[in-house]
Amino acid sequence: MAVEALEPEQIEQRLAELPGWSLEGDRLARKYRLGTHFAATAMVVHIAQVQEELDHHSDLTLGYNTISLTVNTHSVGGAVTTLDFDLARRVEELAPAHGAR
């Protein structure tokens, strides 16, 4: 199944279902704050596992007790697609187990 870029209205509708996520330029973006550096590191590893499972990868930045993600789909010229929202939802599902806010 071919992946296609989402229209701006579709992106806005989907973002409404993902509090904390935003559109920064041509990428979905989210920053999480965690209690410790170790907790942030563990969440990065968990996100990496999900990305491998989905075969869709974000730019993922680890700070002392923060994680920043940005994602778009390179195969459609860097546009936002359903793949990006699938990854965002999966990250949102795992975040509470790590104490992310």
N, C-alpha and C. Protein backbone atom coordinates (compact mmCIF):
# COMPACT_ATOMS: atom_id res chain seq x y z
N MET A 1 0.84 -1.19 0.00
CA MET A 1 0.00 0.00 0.00
C MET A 1 0.88 1.25 0.00
N ALA A 2 0.64 2.13 -0.95
CA ALA A 2 1.41 3.36 -1.06
C ALA A 2 0.98 4.35 0.02
N VAL A 3 1.96 5.05 0.54
CA VAL A 3 1.70 6.07 1.55
C VAL A 3 1.64 7.42 0.86
N GLU A 4 0.64 8.22 1.21
CA GLU A 4 0.49 9.54 0.61
C GLU A 4 0.52 10.62 1.68
N ALA A 5 0.96 11.80 1.26
CA ALA A 5 0.97 12.95 2.16
C ALA A 5 -0.45 13.28 2.60
N LEU A 6 -0.59 13.65 3.85
CA LEU A 6 -1.89 14.09 4.37
C LEU A 6 -2.10 15.56 4.04
N GLU A 7 -3.35 15.91 3.83
CA GLU A 7 -3.72 17.30 3.60
C GLU A 7 -3.67 18.05 4.94
N PRO A 8 -3.48 19.38 4.91
CA PRO A 8 -3.42 20.15 6.16
C PRO A 8 -4.62 19.92 7.09
N GLU A 9 -5.83 19.81 6.52
CA GLU A 9 -7.02 19.59 7.36
C GLU A 9 -6.95 18.23 8.05
N GLN A 10 -6.44 17.23 7.35
CA GLN A 10 -6.32 15.89 7.93
C GLN A 10 -5.29 15.90 9.06
N ILE A 11 -4.22 16.64 8.88
CA ILE A 11 -3.19 16.74 9.92
C ILE A 11 -3.78 17.39 11.16
N GLU A 12 -4.49 18.49 10.98
CA GLU A 12 -5.09 19.20 12.12
C GLU A 12 -6.08 18.31 12.87
N GLN A 13 -6.90 17.56 12.14
CA GLN A 13 -7.87 16.66 12.78
C GLN A 13 -7.15 15.60 13.61
N ARG A 14 -6.10 15.03 13.05
CA ARG A 14 -5.37 13.98 13.77
C ARG A 14 -4.59 14.53 14.95
N LEU A 15 -4.06 15.73 14.81
CA LEU A 15 -3.35 16.35 15.93
C LEU A 15 -4.28 16.61 17.11
N ALA A 16 -5.53 16.89 16.83
CA ALA A 16 -6.50 17.13 17.90
C ALA A 16 -6.66 15.90 18.79
N GLU A 17 -6.33 14.73 18.27
CA GLU A 17 -6.43 13.48 19.02
C GLU A 17 -5.13 13.14 19.74
N LEU A 18 -4.10 13.96 19.59
CA LEU A 18 -2.79 13.70 20.20
C LEU A 18 -2.30 14.93 20.96
N PRO A 19 -2.86 15.18 22.15
CA PRO A 19 -2.41 16.33 22.94
C PRO A 19 -0.90 16.28 23.16
N GLY A 20 -0.30 17.46 23.05
CA GLY A 20 1.15 17.56 23.24
C GLY A 20 1.93 17.51 21.94
N TRP A 21 1.33 16.97 20.90
CA TRP A 21 1.98 16.90 19.59
C TRP A 21 1.61 18.15 18.80
N SER A 22 2.53 18.59 17.94
CA SER A 22 2.28 19.76 17.12
C SER A 22 2.94 19.57 15.76
N LEU A 23 2.62 20.47 14.87
CA LEU A 23 3.25 20.48 13.55
C LEU A 23 4.30 21.59 13.60
N GLU A 24 5.55 21.21 13.40
CA GLU A 24 6.65 22.18 13.34
C GLU A 24 7.23 22.11 11.93
N GLY A 25 6.87 23.07 11.12
CA GLY A 25 7.28 23.03 9.73
C GLY A 25 6.58 21.89 9.03
N ASP A 26 7.37 20.94 8.54
CA ASP A 26 6.80 19.79 7.85
C ASP A 26 6.94 18.50 8.66
N ARG A 27 6.98 18.64 10.00
CA ARG A 27 7.20 17.48 10.85
C ARG A 27 6.26 17.49 12.06
N LEU A 28 5.85 16.30 12.49
CA LEU A 28 5.17 16.18 13.77
C LEU A 28 6.23 16.25 14.85
N ALA A 29 5.90 16.88 15.97
CA ALA A 29 6.90 17.08 17.02
C ALA A 29 6.27 16.92 18.41
N ARG A 30 7.09 16.43 19.34
CA ARG A 30 6.64 16.28 20.73
C ARG A 30 7.86 16.25 21.62
N LYS A 31 7.76 16.88 22.77
CA LYS A 31 8.82 16.84 23.78
C LYS A 31 8.22 16.24 25.04
N TYR A 32 8.96 15.34 25.67
CA TYR A 32 8.55 14.72 26.92
C TYR A 32 9.56 15.07 28.00
N ARG A 33 9.06 15.24 29.21
CA ARG A 33 9.92 15.43 30.37
C ARG A 33 9.72 14.21 31.27
N LEU A 34 10.83 13.69 31.78
CA LEU A 34 10.79 12.52 32.64
C LEU A 34 11.49 12.83 33.96
N GLY A 35 11.36 11.93 34.93
CA GLY A 35 11.89 12.18 36.27
C GLY A 35 13.40 12.14 36.38
N THR A 36 14.04 11.30 35.57
CA THR A 36 15.49 11.14 35.66
C THR A 36 16.08 10.90 34.28
N HIS A 37 17.38 11.00 34.20
CA HIS A 37 18.07 10.70 32.94
C HIS A 37 17.90 9.22 32.59
N PHE A 38 17.96 8.35 33.59
CA PHE A 38 17.80 6.92 33.33
C PHE A 38 16.42 6.62 32.76
N ALA A 39 15.38 7.24 33.31
CA ALA A 39 14.02 7.03 32.81
C ALA A 39 13.91 7.51 31.36
N ALA A 40 14.52 8.65 31.05
CA ALA A 40 14.49 9.16 29.68
C ALA A 40 15.23 8.19 28.74
N THR A 41 16.36 7.68 29.19
CA THR A 41 17.12 6.74 28.37
C THR A 41 16.32 5.46 28.11
N ALA A 42 15.66 4.95 29.13
CA ALA A 42 14.84 3.74 28.97
C ALA A 42 13.71 3.99 27.96
N MET A 43 13.12 5.17 28.01
CA MET A 43 12.04 5.46 27.07
C MET A 43 12.58 5.56 25.64
N VAL A 44 13.77 6.12 25.47
CA VAL A 44 14.39 6.18 24.15
C VAL A 44 14.56 4.78 23.58
N VAL A 45 15.02 3.85 24.40
CA VAL A 45 15.20 2.47 23.95
C VAL A 45 13.85 1.87 23.56
N HIS A 46 12.84 2.12 24.35
CA HIS A 46 11.50 1.61 24.06
C HIS A 46 10.98 2.19 22.74
N ILE A 47 11.17 3.49 22.53
CA ILE A 47 10.76 4.12 21.27
C ILE A 47 11.51 3.50 20.10
N ALA A 48 12.79 3.26 20.28
CA ALA A 48 13.59 2.65 19.20
C ALA A 48 13.05 1.27 18.83
N GLN A 49 12.60 0.51 19.83
CA GLN A 49 12.00 -0.80 19.54
C GLN A 49 10.73 -0.64 18.70
N VAL A 50 9.90 0.31 19.06
CA VAL A 50 8.66 0.55 18.31
C VAL A 50 8.99 0.99 16.89
N GLN A 51 9.97 1.85 16.74
CA GLN A 51 10.36 2.32 15.40
C GLN A 51 10.84 1.16 14.53
N GLU A 52 11.59 0.26 15.10
CA GLU A 52 12.04 -0.91 14.34
C GLU A 52 10.85 -1.77 13.94
N GLU A 53 9.93 -1.95 14.86
CA GLU A 53 8.73 -2.75 14.58
C GLU A 53 7.92 -2.15 13.44
N LEU A 54 7.77 -0.83 13.44
CA LEU A 54 6.99 -0.14 12.41
C LEU A 54 7.80 0.11 11.13
N ASP A 55 9.12 -0.06 11.23
CA ASP A 55 10.04 0.28 10.14
C ASP A 55 9.81 1.73 9.71
N HIS A 56 9.69 2.59 10.73
CA HIS A 56 9.48 4.02 10.51
C HIS A 56 10.17 4.73 11.67
N HIS A 57 11.09 5.64 11.36
CA HIS A 57 11.97 6.20 12.37
C HIS A 57 11.85 7.71 12.46
N SER A 58 11.92 8.20 13.68
CA SER A 58 11.89 9.64 13.94
C SER A 58 13.30 10.14 14.20
N ASP A 59 13.44 11.46 14.23
CA ASP A 59 14.62 12.05 14.82
C ASP A 59 14.32 12.10 16.31
N LEU A 60 15.20 11.53 17.09
CA LEU A 60 14.98 11.33 18.51
C LEU A 60 16.17 11.90 19.26
N THR A 61 15.91 12.86 20.15
CA THR A 61 16.98 13.52 20.88
C THR A 61 16.80 13.29 22.37
N LEU A 62 17.85 12.82 23.01
CA LEU A 62 17.85 12.57 24.45
C LEU A 62 18.59 13.71 25.14
N GLY A 63 17.90 14.36 26.09
CA GLY A 63 18.53 15.35 26.95
C GLY A 63 18.70 14.73 28.33
N TYR A 64 19.01 15.55 29.33
CA TYR A 64 19.22 15.00 30.67
C TYR A 64 17.98 14.24 31.14
N ASN A 65 16.86 14.88 31.15
CA ASN A 65 15.61 14.21 31.54
C ASN A 65 14.48 14.54 30.57
N THR A 66 14.87 14.76 29.31
CA THR A 66 13.91 15.07 28.27
C THR A 66 14.17 14.23 27.03
N ILE A 67 13.10 14.08 26.25
CA ILE A 67 13.18 13.42 24.95
C ILE A 67 12.42 14.31 23.98
N SER A 68 13.01 14.55 22.83
CA SER A 68 12.32 15.29 21.76
C SER A 68 12.26 14.39 20.53
N LEU A 69 11.09 14.35 19.91
CA LEU A 69 10.89 13.59 18.68
C LEU A 69 10.37 14.52 17.60
N THR A 70 10.85 14.33 16.39
CA THR A 70 10.25 14.94 15.22
C THR A 70 10.21 13.86 14.15
N VAL A 71 9.14 13.86 13.37
CA VAL A 71 8.99 12.80 12.37
C VAL A 71 8.20 13.29 11.17
N ASN A 72 8.65 12.85 10.01
CA ASN A 72 7.90 12.96 8.77
C ASN A 72 8.30 11.76 7.91
N THR A 73 7.76 11.67 6.73
CA THR A 73 8.00 10.49 5.90
C THR A 73 8.87 10.86 4.71
N HIS A 74 10.10 10.40 4.74
CA HIS A 74 11.08 10.75 3.70
C HIS A 74 10.67 10.23 2.32
N SER A 75 10.01 9.08 2.28
CA SER A 75 9.68 8.46 0.99
C SER A 75 8.62 9.24 0.20
N VAL A 76 7.97 10.21 0.83
CA VAL A 76 7.02 11.08 0.11
C VAL A 76 7.49 12.53 0.18
N GLY A 77 8.80 12.71 0.15
CA GLY A 77 9.35 14.06 0.10
C GLY A 77 9.34 14.81 1.40
N GLY A 78 9.30 14.10 2.52
CA GLY A 78 9.32 14.76 3.81
C GLY A 78 7.97 15.29 4.27
N ALA A 79 6.91 14.75 3.73
CA ALA A 79 5.56 15.16 4.14
C ALA A 79 5.10 14.35 5.35
N VAL A 80 4.04 14.81 5.99
CA VAL A 80 3.43 14.08 7.10
C VAL A 80 2.42 13.10 6.52
N THR A 81 2.49 11.85 7.01
CA THR A 81 1.62 10.78 6.53
C THR A 81 1.01 10.03 7.70
N THR A 82 0.18 9.06 7.38
CA THR A 82 -0.40 8.21 8.43
C THR A 82 0.68 7.45 9.19
N LEU A 83 1.80 7.14 8.54
CA LEU A 83 2.90 6.45 9.24
C LEU A 83 3.39 7.28 10.43
N ASP A 84 3.46 8.58 10.25
CA ASP A 84 3.93 9.46 11.32
C ASP A 84 2.96 9.47 12.49
N PHE A 85 1.67 9.48 12.17
CA PHE A 85 0.67 9.44 13.24
C PHE A 85 0.63 8.08 13.92
N ASP A 86 0.88 7.01 13.18
CA ASP A 86 0.95 5.68 13.80
C ASP A 86 2.08 5.64 14.82
N LEU A 87 3.23 6.18 14.46
CA LEU A 87 4.35 6.22 15.39
C LEU A 87 4.03 7.11 16.59
N ALA A 88 3.45 8.27 16.35
CA ALA A 88 3.11 9.18 17.45
C ALA A 88 2.15 8.51 18.44
N ARG A 89 1.15 7.81 17.93
CA ARG A 89 0.19 7.12 18.82
C ARG A 89 0.89 6.05 19.66
N ARG A 90 1.77 5.29 19.04
CA ARG A 90 2.48 4.25 19.76
C ARG A 90 3.36 4.85 20.86
N VAL A 91 4.01 5.96 20.57
CA VAL A 91 4.83 6.62 21.58
C VAL A 91 3.95 7.11 22.72
N GLU A 92 2.80 7.69 22.39
CA GLU A 92 1.88 8.15 23.43
C GLU A 92 1.41 7.00 24.32
N GLU A 93 1.21 5.83 23.73
CA GLU A 93 0.78 4.67 24.51
C GLU A 93 1.84 4.20 25.49
N LEU A 94 3.11 4.32 25.14
CA LEU A 94 4.16 3.81 26.03
C LEU A 94 4.65 4.86 27.03
N ALA A 95 4.41 6.13 26.75
CA ALA A 95 4.92 7.21 27.59
C ALA A 95 4.51 7.12 29.07
N PRO A 96 3.24 6.82 29.39
CA PRO A 96 2.87 6.79 30.81
C PRO A 96 3.65 5.75 31.64
N ALA A 97 3.98 4.64 31.03
CA ALA A 97 4.74 3.60 31.75
C ALA A 97 6.13 4.08 32.15
N HIS A 98 6.63 5.11 31.48
CA HIS A 98 7.95 5.66 31.78
C HIS A 98 7.85 6.91 32.65
N GLY A 99 6.64 7.30 32.99
CA GLY A 99 6.45 8.51 33.79
C GLY A 99 6.64 9.79 33.01
N ALA A 100 6.52 9.70 31.69
CA ALA A 100 6.71 10.89 30.85
C ALA A 100 5.51 11.81 30.93
N ARG A 101 5.79 13.09 30.86
CA ARG A 101 4.73 14.09 30.82
C ARG A 101 5.08 15.17 29.84
